[in-house]
N, C-alpha and C. Protein backbone atom coordinates (compact mmCIF):
# COMPACT_ATOMS: atom_id res chain seq x y z
N MET A 1 -1.29 12.44 -24.57
CA MET A 1 -0.55 11.42 -25.51
C MET A 1 -0.20 10.05 -24.83
N ILE A 2 -0.52 9.52 -25.94
CA ILE A 2 -0.78 7.99 -25.81
C ILE A 2 0.67 7.16 -26.24
N ASP A 3 1.16 6.50 -25.32
CA ASP A 3 2.41 6.13 -25.49
C ASP A 3 2.32 4.53 -26.13
N LEU A 4 2.20 4.38 -27.81
CA LEU A 4 1.62 2.69 -27.51
C LEU A 4 3.14 1.62 -27.44
N LYS A 5 4.36 2.32 -27.10
CA LYS A 5 4.98 1.22 -26.45
C LYS A 5 4.50 0.46 -25.25
N LYS A 6 3.68 1.61 -24.40
CA LYS A 6 3.44 0.59 -23.37
C LYS A 6 2.34 -0.55 -23.16
N ALA A 7 1.61 -0.49 -24.51
CA ALA A 7 0.73 -1.08 -25.19
C ALA A 7 1.00 -2.70 -24.89
N ASP A 8 -0.45 -3.31 -24.50
CA ASP A 8 -0.32 -4.84 -24.12
C ASP A 8 -1.36 -5.38 -25.48
N ILE A 9 -1.00 -5.84 -26.42
CA ILE A 9 -1.52 -6.08 -27.48
C ILE A 9 -2.28 -6.95 -27.01
N ASN A 10 -2.12 -7.88 -26.10
CA ASN A 10 -3.55 -8.93 -25.81
C ASN A 10 -4.87 -8.45 -24.96
N PHE A 11 -4.36 -7.25 -24.34
CA PHE A 11 -5.32 -6.73 -23.41
C PHE A 11 -6.91 -6.87 -24.04
N LYS A 12 -7.19 -6.30 -25.06
CA LYS A 12 -8.46 -6.26 -25.46
C LYS A 12 -9.09 -7.86 -25.68
N TRP A 13 -7.87 -8.86 -26.30
CA TRP A 13 -8.59 -10.20 -26.54
C TRP A 13 -9.15 -10.60 -25.29
N GLU A 14 -8.13 -10.23 -24.31
CA GLU A 14 -8.44 -10.51 -22.87
C GLU A 14 -10.03 -10.55 -22.29
N ILE A 15 -10.23 -9.15 -22.63
CA ILE A 15 -11.67 -8.48 -22.38
C ILE A 15 -12.11 -9.17 -23.01
N THR A 16 -12.49 -9.42 -24.62
CA THR A 16 -13.36 -10.22 -25.14
C THR A 16 -14.11 -11.05 -24.69
N ARG A 17 -12.66 -12.34 -24.02
CA ARG A 17 -13.09 -13.32 -23.15
C ARG A 17 -13.94 -13.43 -21.87
N GLN A 18 -14.32 -12.32 -21.24
CA GLN A 18 -14.78 -11.89 -20.06
C GLN A 18 -16.10 -11.90 -20.68
N GLU A 19 -17.15 -12.26 -19.35
CA GLU A 19 -18.70 -12.48 -19.69
C GLU A 19 -18.97 -10.73 -19.92
N GLY A 20 -20.09 -10.48 -20.90
CA GLY A 20 -20.04 -9.08 -21.15
C GLY A 20 -19.06 -8.16 -21.98
N GLY A 21 -17.82 -8.76 -22.31
CA GLY A 21 -16.60 -8.04 -23.21
C GLY A 21 -16.60 -8.32 -24.16
N GLU A 22 -18.33 -9.17 -25.01
CA GLU A 22 -18.21 -9.30 -26.10
C GLU A 22 -17.99 -8.25 -27.73
N GLY A 23 -18.67 -7.65 -27.04
CA GLY A 23 -19.40 -6.66 -27.87
C GLY A 23 -18.04 -5.53 -28.20
N LEU A 24 -16.92 -5.57 -27.21
CA LEU A 24 -15.46 -4.72 -26.82
C LEU A 24 -15.25 -4.15 -29.04
N LEU A 25 -14.88 -5.00 -29.46
CA LEU A 25 -14.37 -4.79 -30.71
C LEU A 25 -15.71 -4.20 -31.67
N LYS A 26 -16.92 -4.34 -31.79
CA LYS A 26 -17.15 -3.64 -32.28
C LYS A 26 -17.43 -2.42 -32.33
N CYS A 27 -17.14 -1.38 -31.38
CA CYS A 27 -16.96 -0.14 -31.17
C CYS A 27 -16.14 0.78 -32.22
N PHE A 28 -17.04 1.85 -32.76
CA PHE A 28 -16.31 2.58 -33.60
C PHE A 28 -15.66 4.01 -32.92
N GLY A 29 -16.20 3.83 -32.18
CA GLY A 29 -16.08 5.36 -31.34
C GLY A 29 -16.84 6.49 -31.51
N CYS A 30 -18.19 6.26 -31.74
CA CYS A 30 -18.94 7.27 -32.17
C CYS A 30 -19.32 8.36 -31.05
N SER A 31 -18.94 8.25 -29.85
CA SER A 31 -19.18 8.74 -28.63
C SER A 31 -20.95 9.33 -27.73
N ASP A 32 -21.60 8.16 -28.67
CA ASP A 32 -23.06 8.27 -28.38
C ASP A 32 -22.89 8.07 -27.30
N CYS A 33 -22.36 6.80 -26.95
CA CYS A 33 -22.55 6.52 -25.10
C CYS A 33 -22.22 7.57 -24.11
N SER A 34 -20.73 8.29 -24.63
CA SER A 34 -20.55 9.46 -23.67
C SER A 34 -21.17 10.33 -23.73
N ALA A 35 -22.14 10.64 -24.70
CA ALA A 35 -23.28 11.70 -24.52
C ALA A 35 -24.46 11.62 -23.98
N SER A 36 -24.72 10.37 -23.63
CA SER A 36 -25.94 9.95 -23.00
C SER A 36 -25.91 9.45 -21.69
N CYS A 37 -24.65 9.35 -21.06
CA CYS A 37 -23.89 9.25 -19.76
C CYS A 37 -24.39 9.74 -18.85
N PRO A 38 -25.26 9.67 -17.53
CA PRO A 38 -25.45 10.69 -16.47
C PRO A 38 -24.46 10.61 -15.55
N VAL A 39 -23.13 9.75 -15.71
CA VAL A 39 -22.07 9.98 -14.45
C VAL A 39 -21.28 10.88 -15.39
N ARG A 40 -21.06 10.97 -16.88
CA ARG A 40 -20.05 12.14 -17.62
C ARG A 40 -20.72 13.45 -17.62
N TYR A 41 -21.95 13.62 -17.50
CA TYR A 41 -22.64 14.58 -17.25
C TYR A 41 -22.41 15.27 -15.74
N LEU A 42 -22.59 14.73 -14.76
CA LEU A 42 -22.01 14.96 -13.76
C LEU A 42 -20.34 14.97 -13.40
N ASP A 43 -19.43 14.60 -14.03
CA ASP A 43 -17.97 14.55 -14.02
C ASP A 43 -17.43 14.02 -15.52
N ASP A 44 -17.23 15.06 -16.15
CA ASP A 44 -16.88 15.21 -17.47
C ASP A 44 -15.40 14.30 -17.47
N ARG A 45 -14.44 13.58 -16.30
CA ARG A 45 -13.35 13.09 -16.14
C ARG A 45 -13.81 11.52 -16.65
N TYR A 46 -15.25 10.84 -16.19
CA TYR A 46 -15.53 9.90 -16.71
C TYR A 46 -16.15 9.76 -18.65
N ASN A 47 -15.51 8.99 -19.14
CA ASN A 47 -16.15 8.92 -20.27
C ASN A 47 -15.87 7.63 -20.89
N PRO A 48 -16.55 6.90 -20.98
CA PRO A 48 -17.01 5.33 -21.38
C PRO A 48 -16.21 5.27 -22.74
N ARG A 49 -16.53 5.66 -23.37
CA ARG A 49 -15.65 5.78 -25.35
C ARG A 49 -14.57 6.24 -24.94
N LYS A 50 -13.81 6.71 -24.01
CA LYS A 50 -12.27 7.06 -23.58
C LYS A 50 -12.02 5.16 -23.11
N ILE A 51 -12.48 4.81 -22.17
CA ILE A 51 -11.96 3.75 -21.24
C ILE A 51 -11.86 2.35 -22.47
N ILE A 52 -13.29 2.54 -23.08
CA ILE A 52 -13.04 1.22 -24.59
C ILE A 52 -12.15 1.64 -25.39
N ARG A 53 -11.83 2.99 -26.17
CA ARG A 53 -10.82 3.00 -26.68
C ARG A 53 -9.27 2.82 -26.18
N LEU A 54 -9.11 3.36 -24.85
CA LEU A 54 -7.66 3.23 -24.51
C LEU A 54 -7.71 1.51 -24.05
N THR A 55 -9.15 0.85 -24.02
CA THR A 55 -8.69 -0.73 -23.65
C THR A 55 -8.28 -1.51 -25.01
N LEU A 56 -9.18 -1.01 -26.24
CA LEU A 56 -8.80 -1.01 -27.67
C LEU A 56 -7.58 -0.73 -27.88
N LEU A 57 -6.43 -0.14 -27.74
CA LEU A 57 -4.91 0.19 -28.13
C LEU A 57 -4.23 -0.56 -27.32
N GLY A 58 -4.82 -1.22 -25.97
CA GLY A 58 -4.20 -1.69 -25.18
C GLY A 58 -3.45 -1.56 -24.32
N MET A 59 -3.85 -0.72 -23.63
CA MET A 59 -3.50 0.42 -22.55
C MET A 59 -3.84 0.03 -21.12
N LYS A 60 -3.18 -0.97 -20.50
CA LYS A 60 -3.97 -2.14 -19.42
C LYS A 60 -3.58 -1.19 -18.37
N ALA A 61 -2.73 -0.90 -18.15
CA ALA A 61 -2.40 -0.29 -16.85
C ALA A 61 -2.77 1.01 -16.72
N GLU A 62 -3.32 1.95 -17.94
CA GLU A 62 -3.54 3.05 -17.52
C GLU A 62 -5.46 2.90 -17.46
N VAL A 63 -6.12 1.78 -17.74
CA VAL A 63 -7.33 1.23 -17.72
C VAL A 63 -7.39 0.90 -16.44
N LEU A 64 -6.92 -0.44 -16.25
CA LEU A 64 -7.10 -0.80 -14.73
C LEU A 64 -7.01 -0.39 -13.44
N SER A 65 -6.05 1.27 -13.83
CA SER A 65 -5.42 1.27 -12.66
C SER A 65 -6.32 2.59 -12.41
N SER A 66 -7.33 3.38 -13.24
CA SER A 66 -7.98 4.47 -13.32
C SER A 66 -8.91 4.37 -12.22
N PRO A 67 -9.42 5.53 -11.23
CA PRO A 67 -10.23 5.73 -10.57
C PRO A 67 -11.53 5.80 -11.12
N PHE A 68 -11.43 6.27 -12.65
CA PHE A 68 -12.95 6.58 -12.97
C PHE A 68 -13.60 5.26 -13.79
N LEU A 69 -13.06 4.18 -14.21
CA LEU A 69 -13.74 2.59 -14.33
C LEU A 69 -14.58 2.50 -13.67
N TRP A 70 -14.36 2.98 -12.17
CA TRP A 70 -15.59 2.43 -11.62
C TRP A 70 -17.06 3.14 -10.99
N LEU A 71 -16.76 4.39 -11.88
CA LEU A 71 -18.01 5.32 -11.67
C LEU A 71 -19.11 5.13 -12.22
N CYS A 72 -19.30 4.03 -13.41
CA CYS A 72 -20.06 3.83 -14.14
C CYS A 72 -21.31 3.27 -13.29
N ALA A 73 -22.69 3.99 -13.19
CA ALA A 73 -23.56 3.87 -12.43
C ALA A 73 -24.77 2.63 -13.31
N HIS A 74 -23.84 1.93 -14.54
CA HIS A 74 -25.17 0.87 -15.20
C HIS A 74 -26.55 1.27 -15.29
N CYS A 75 -26.83 2.31 -15.64
CA CYS A 75 -27.83 3.15 -16.05
C CYS A 75 -28.37 2.50 -17.45
N HIS A 76 -27.38 1.93 -18.44
CA HIS A 76 -27.64 1.57 -19.71
C HIS A 76 -28.33 2.54 -20.63
N ALA A 77 -28.13 3.59 -20.19
CA ALA A 77 -28.30 4.36 -21.29
C ALA A 77 -27.48 4.62 -22.50
N CYS A 78 -25.83 4.82 -22.45
CA CYS A 78 -24.85 3.76 -23.10
C CYS A 78 -25.67 2.90 -24.07
N THR A 79 -26.08 2.07 -23.39
CA THR A 79 -26.41 0.87 -24.37
C THR A 79 -27.65 0.83 -25.40
N GLU A 80 -28.56 2.17 -24.75
CA GLU A 80 -29.45 2.15 -25.43
C GLU A 80 -29.09 3.23 -27.29
N ARG A 81 -28.21 3.97 -26.76
CA ARG A 81 -28.02 4.67 -27.70
C ARG A 81 -27.23 4.07 -28.56
N CYS A 82 -26.13 3.04 -28.60
CA CYS A 82 -25.22 2.62 -29.12
C CYS A 82 -25.38 2.10 -30.53
N PRO A 83 -25.40 2.92 -31.58
CA PRO A 83 -26.01 2.05 -33.09
C PRO A 83 -25.23 1.27 -33.24
N GLN A 84 -24.18 0.97 -33.06
CA GLN A 84 -23.55 -0.94 -32.97
C GLN A 84 -24.11 -1.71 -32.21
N GLY A 85 -24.79 -1.35 -31.39
CA GLY A 85 -26.09 -2.29 -30.41
C GLY A 85 -24.75 -2.79 -29.20
N ILE A 86 -23.87 -2.00 -29.00
CA ILE A 86 -22.92 -2.61 -27.71
C ILE A 86 -23.58 -2.66 -26.61
N ARG A 87 -23.66 -3.67 -25.74
CA ARG A 87 -23.74 -3.38 -24.53
C ARG A 87 -22.75 -2.77 -23.94
N VAL A 88 -22.54 -1.28 -23.84
CA VAL A 88 -21.62 -1.04 -23.24
C VAL A 88 -21.26 -0.78 -21.60
N ALA A 89 -22.30 -1.03 -20.49
CA ALA A 89 -22.49 -1.52 -19.49
C ALA A 89 -21.76 -2.42 -19.05
N GLU A 90 -22.14 -3.23 -20.21
CA GLU A 90 -21.76 -4.64 -19.82
C GLU A 90 -20.20 -4.88 -19.77
N VAL A 91 -19.68 -3.86 -21.22
CA VAL A 91 -18.38 -4.21 -21.64
C VAL A 91 -17.19 -3.46 -20.28
N ILE A 92 -17.96 -2.47 -19.80
CA ILE A 92 -17.05 -1.80 -18.75
C ILE A 92 -17.27 -2.64 -17.54
N ASN A 93 -18.34 -3.59 -17.49
CA ASN A 93 -18.33 -4.23 -16.35
C ASN A 93 -17.49 -5.25 -16.19
N ALA A 94 -17.34 -5.70 -17.41
CA ALA A 94 -15.91 -6.83 -17.87
C ALA A 94 -14.73 -6.42 -17.69
N ILE A 95 -14.75 -5.08 -17.89
CA ILE A 95 -13.50 -4.84 -18.00
C ILE A 95 -13.24 -4.46 -15.99
N LYS A 96 -14.22 -4.52 -15.76
CA LYS A 96 -14.20 -4.19 -13.79
C LYS A 96 -13.52 -5.25 -13.34
N ASN A 97 -14.30 -6.00 -13.76
CA ASN A 97 -14.04 -7.76 -13.62
C ASN A 97 -12.62 -8.50 -13.65
N TYR A 98 -12.26 -8.06 -14.83
CA TYR A 98 -11.01 -8.34 -15.35
C TYR A 98 -9.77 -7.50 -14.27
N ALA A 99 -10.23 -6.35 -13.93
CA ALA A 99 -9.82 -5.53 -13.08
C ALA A 99 -9.44 -6.42 -11.89
N VAL A 100 -10.49 -6.59 -11.18
CA VAL A 100 -10.28 -6.95 -10.00
C VAL A 100 -9.63 -8.85 -9.71
N GLN A 101 -9.47 -9.17 -10.91
CA GLN A 101 -9.01 -10.68 -11.70
C GLN A 101 -7.31 -10.46 -11.42
N GLN A 102 -7.15 -9.15 -11.88
CA GLN A 102 -5.47 -8.58 -11.90
C GLN A 102 -4.88 -8.26 -10.27
N GLY A 103 -6.09 -8.21 -9.87
CA GLY A 103 -5.50 -7.06 -8.52
C GLY A 103 -6.14 -5.66 -8.13
N TYR A 104 -6.21 -5.19 -8.82
CA TYR A 104 -6.77 -3.84 -8.98
C TYR A 104 -8.34 -3.87 -8.36
N CYS A 105 -8.29 -2.92 -7.56
CA CYS A 105 -9.55 -2.19 -6.22
C CYS A 105 -9.79 -0.89 -6.46
N PRO A 106 -10.39 -0.49 -5.98
CA PRO A 106 -10.95 1.30 -5.32
C PRO A 106 -10.77 0.97 -3.67
N GLU A 107 -10.50 2.11 -3.48
CA GLU A 107 -10.29 1.90 -1.83
C GLU A 107 -11.92 1.29 -1.09
N GLY A 108 -12.57 1.97 -2.09
CA GLY A 108 -13.81 2.06 -1.52
C GLY A 108 -14.10 0.44 -0.96
N LEU A 109 -14.18 -0.28 -2.08
CA LEU A 109 -14.58 -1.60 -2.00
C LEU A 109 -13.91 -2.52 -1.20
N LYS A 110 -12.22 -1.88 -0.92
CA LYS A 110 -11.09 -2.55 -0.04
C LYS A 110 -11.98 -2.39 1.34
N VAL A 111 -12.56 -1.48 2.08
CA VAL A 111 -13.23 -1.08 3.23
C VAL A 111 -14.54 -1.80 3.26
N GLN A 112 -14.98 -2.29 2.11
CA GLN A 112 -16.28 -2.76 2.52
C GLN A 112 -15.88 -4.34 2.75
N LEU A 113 -14.91 -4.65 1.90
CA LEU A 113 -14.66 -5.83 2.48
C LEU A 113 -14.38 -5.93 3.35
N ASN A 114 -13.46 -5.16 4.42
CA ASN A 114 -12.95 -5.10 5.48
C ASN A 114 -13.81 -5.29 6.35
N LEU A 115 -14.61 -4.55 6.24
CA LEU A 115 -16.47 -4.45 6.65
C LEU A 115 -16.48 -5.93 7.19
N LEU A 116 -16.59 -6.58 6.09
CA LEU A 116 -17.60 -7.81 5.58
C LEU A 116 -16.68 -8.82 6.30
N ASN A 117 -15.02 -8.84 6.05
CA ASN A 117 -14.76 -9.95 6.60
C ASN A 117 -14.76 -9.93 8.40
N ASN A 118 -14.42 -8.66 8.94
CA ASN A 118 -14.51 -8.10 10.16
C ASN A 118 -15.92 -8.90 10.64
N SER A 119 -16.85 -8.57 10.32
CA SER A 119 -18.41 -8.57 10.87
C SER A 119 -19.23 -9.45 10.13
N GLY A 120 -18.98 -9.55 8.97
CA GLY A 120 -20.21 -10.48 8.19
C GLY A 120 -21.10 -9.34 7.34
N ARG A 121 -21.07 -8.28 8.16
CA ARG A 121 -21.94 -6.32 7.58
C ARG A 121 -21.36 -5.46 6.94
N LEU A 122 -22.19 -4.94 5.74
CA LEU A 122 -21.33 -3.78 6.36
C LEU A 122 -21.60 -2.75 7.01
N TYR A 123 -22.49 -3.23 7.92
CA TYR A 123 -23.02 -2.27 8.65
C TYR A 123 -22.92 -2.67 10.47
N GLU A 124 -21.71 -2.84 11.06
CA GLU A 124 -21.63 -3.00 12.15
C GLU A 124 -22.68 -3.20 13.21
N LEU A 125 -23.24 -4.15 13.76
CA LEU A 125 -24.09 -3.87 14.89
C LEU A 125 -23.71 -4.02 16.38
N GLU A 126 -24.66 -2.60 16.88
CA GLU A 126 -24.03 -2.53 17.90
C GLU A 126 -25.35 -3.24 18.59
N ASP A 127 -24.75 -3.69 20.33
CA ASP A 127 -25.63 -3.42 21.43
C ASP A 127 -27.02 -2.75 21.45
N PHE A 128 -26.77 -1.56 21.05
CA PHE A 128 -28.45 -0.35 21.00
C PHE A 128 -28.74 -1.03 20.00
N ASP A 129 -28.40 -1.59 18.78
CA ASP A 129 -28.83 -1.65 17.54
C ASP A 129 -30.03 -3.40 18.12
N LEU A 130 -29.42 -4.26 18.50
CA LEU A 130 -29.73 -5.40 19.09
C LEU A 130 -30.72 -5.11 19.85
N ARG A 131 -30.60 -4.29 21.14
CA ARG A 131 -31.72 -4.37 21.83
C ARG A 131 -32.98 -3.27 21.46
N LYS A 132 -32.79 -2.57 20.30
CA LYS A 132 -33.89 -1.90 19.58
C LYS A 132 -34.40 -3.01 18.88
N ARG A 133 -33.75 -3.80 18.22
CA ARG A 133 -34.60 -4.97 17.28
C ARG A 133 -35.48 -5.91 18.62
N GLN A 134 -35.01 -6.51 19.71
CA GLN A 134 -35.48 -7.32 20.57
C GLN A 134 -36.80 -6.34 21.25
N ARG A 135 -36.67 -5.16 21.17
CA ARG A 135 -38.15 -3.97 21.90
C ARG A 135 -39.09 -4.00 21.00
N MET A 136 -38.65 -4.21 19.23
CA MET A 136 -39.49 -4.04 18.26
C MET A 136 -40.29 -5.02 17.88
N GLY A 137 -39.57 -6.25 19.08
CA GLY A 137 -40.07 -7.91 18.45
C GLY A 137 -39.90 -8.25 17.11
N LEU A 138 -38.32 -8.12 16.88
CA LEU A 138 -37.70 -8.69 15.56
C LEU A 138 -37.30 -9.78 16.62
N PRO A 139 -36.68 -10.70 15.52
CA PRO A 139 -35.85 -11.85 15.86
C PRO A 139 -34.32 -11.60 16.55
N GLU A 140 -34.23 -12.24 17.21
CA GLU A 140 -32.58 -11.87 17.44
C GLU A 140 -31.56 -12.44 16.11
N ILE A 141 -30.82 -11.56 15.99
CA ILE A 141 -29.52 -11.78 14.96
C ILE A 141 -28.25 -11.86 15.51
N ALA A 142 -27.44 -12.69 14.75
CA ALA A 142 -25.83 -12.66 15.50
C ALA A 142 -25.21 -11.23 15.44
N LYS A 143 -24.40 -10.49 16.16
CA LYS A 143 -23.65 -9.96 16.05
C LYS A 143 -22.60 -9.57 14.76
N LYS A 144 -22.29 -10.74 14.21
CA LYS A 144 -20.81 -11.30 13.16
C LYS A 144 -21.57 -12.33 12.65
N ILE A 145 -20.85 -12.65 11.56
CA ILE A 145 -21.46 -13.40 10.37
C ILE A 145 -20.01 -14.44 10.04
N PRO A 146 -19.53 -15.42 10.73
CA PRO A 146 -18.23 -15.65 10.54
C PRO A 146 -18.21 -16.80 9.20
N ASP A 147 -19.42 -16.94 9.02
CA ASP A 147 -19.25 -17.73 7.37
C ASP A 147 -18.98 -16.67 6.09
N VAL A 148 -18.68 -15.11 6.52
CA VAL A 148 -18.24 -14.53 5.04
C VAL A 148 -16.86 -14.39 5.15
N ALA A 149 -16.28 -14.41 6.58
CA ALA A 149 -14.73 -14.54 6.55
C ALA A 149 -14.36 -15.91 6.07
N ARG A 150 -15.19 -16.96 6.32
CA ARG A 150 -15.01 -18.58 5.90
C ARG A 150 -14.86 -18.35 4.18
N ILE A 151 -15.51 -17.66 3.71
CA ILE A 151 -15.89 -17.28 2.12
C ILE A 151 -14.63 -16.55 1.40
N PHE A 152 -14.40 -15.82 1.91
CA PHE A 152 -13.27 -14.77 1.60
C PHE A 152 -12.09 -15.42 1.35
N GLN A 153 -11.72 -16.54 2.84
CA GLN A 153 -10.69 -17.18 2.69
C GLN A 153 -10.80 -18.22 1.27
N PHE A 154 -11.99 -18.56 1.33
CA PHE A 154 -11.62 -19.92 0.08
C PHE A 154 -11.69 -19.41 -1.24
N THR A 155 -12.33 -17.76 -1.31
CA THR A 155 -12.07 -17.57 -2.57
C THR A 155 -10.73 -16.47 -2.86
N LYS A 156 -10.17 -16.41 -1.27
CA LYS A 156 -8.51 -15.30 -1.58
C LYS A 156 -8.96 -14.36 -2.13
N ILE A 157 -10.17 -13.93 -1.86
CA ILE A 157 -10.30 -12.32 -2.31
C ILE A 157 -9.50 -11.25 -2.04
N PHE A 158 -8.95 -11.51 -0.76
CA PHE A 158 -7.46 -10.17 -0.33
C PHE A 158 -6.32 -10.40 -1.31
N GLU A 159 -6.39 -11.36 -1.59
CA GLU A 159 -4.94 -11.89 -2.26
C GLU A 159 -4.87 -10.93 -3.70
N ARG A 160 -6.60 -11.00 -4.43
CA ARG A 160 -6.41 -10.30 -5.50
C ARG A 160 -6.69 -8.73 -5.49
N THR A 161 -7.25 -7.98 -4.29
CA THR A 161 -7.68 -6.81 -4.01
C THR A 161 -6.05 -6.38 -3.54
N ALA A 162 -5.10 -6.86 -3.96
CA ALA A 162 -3.81 -6.24 -2.86
C ALA A 162 -3.18 -5.00 -3.49
N LYS A 163 -3.35 -4.86 -4.87
CA LYS A 163 -3.11 -3.43 -5.60
C LYS A 163 -3.88 -2.39 -5.33
């Protein structure tokens, strides 16, 4: 059940102003996007049509806090089948970009951000890795890349992903 008293009437307009969100208002809910979605085939809780519908209704908190928002594989099968010519994957991406701007971030992304901040890489290099590279004749590389942490400080990414 949807409680429209909690609706944010400006939510859909905020998404349409995002890059890729321009086609949001064209959707009339035919479900072709959901029918062709391989992620939906594997997990029926993910439903691009429902995400778009809730966005149009202004259910901002429900959409932005949903863990299923982040499951889109960007295969573009939804876009290929849409009779309205909506770039569904781009609309979903626009919603995700807006979610990050509003401070919503999935836990997996937070873990990756912490790894990048601490070492500058998603995979921490150990001494073993560095010795192996040396034996293979590969050039030396730094264990840590401090420039990444400086970029994070400049962009204030941790402040944006606090929720």
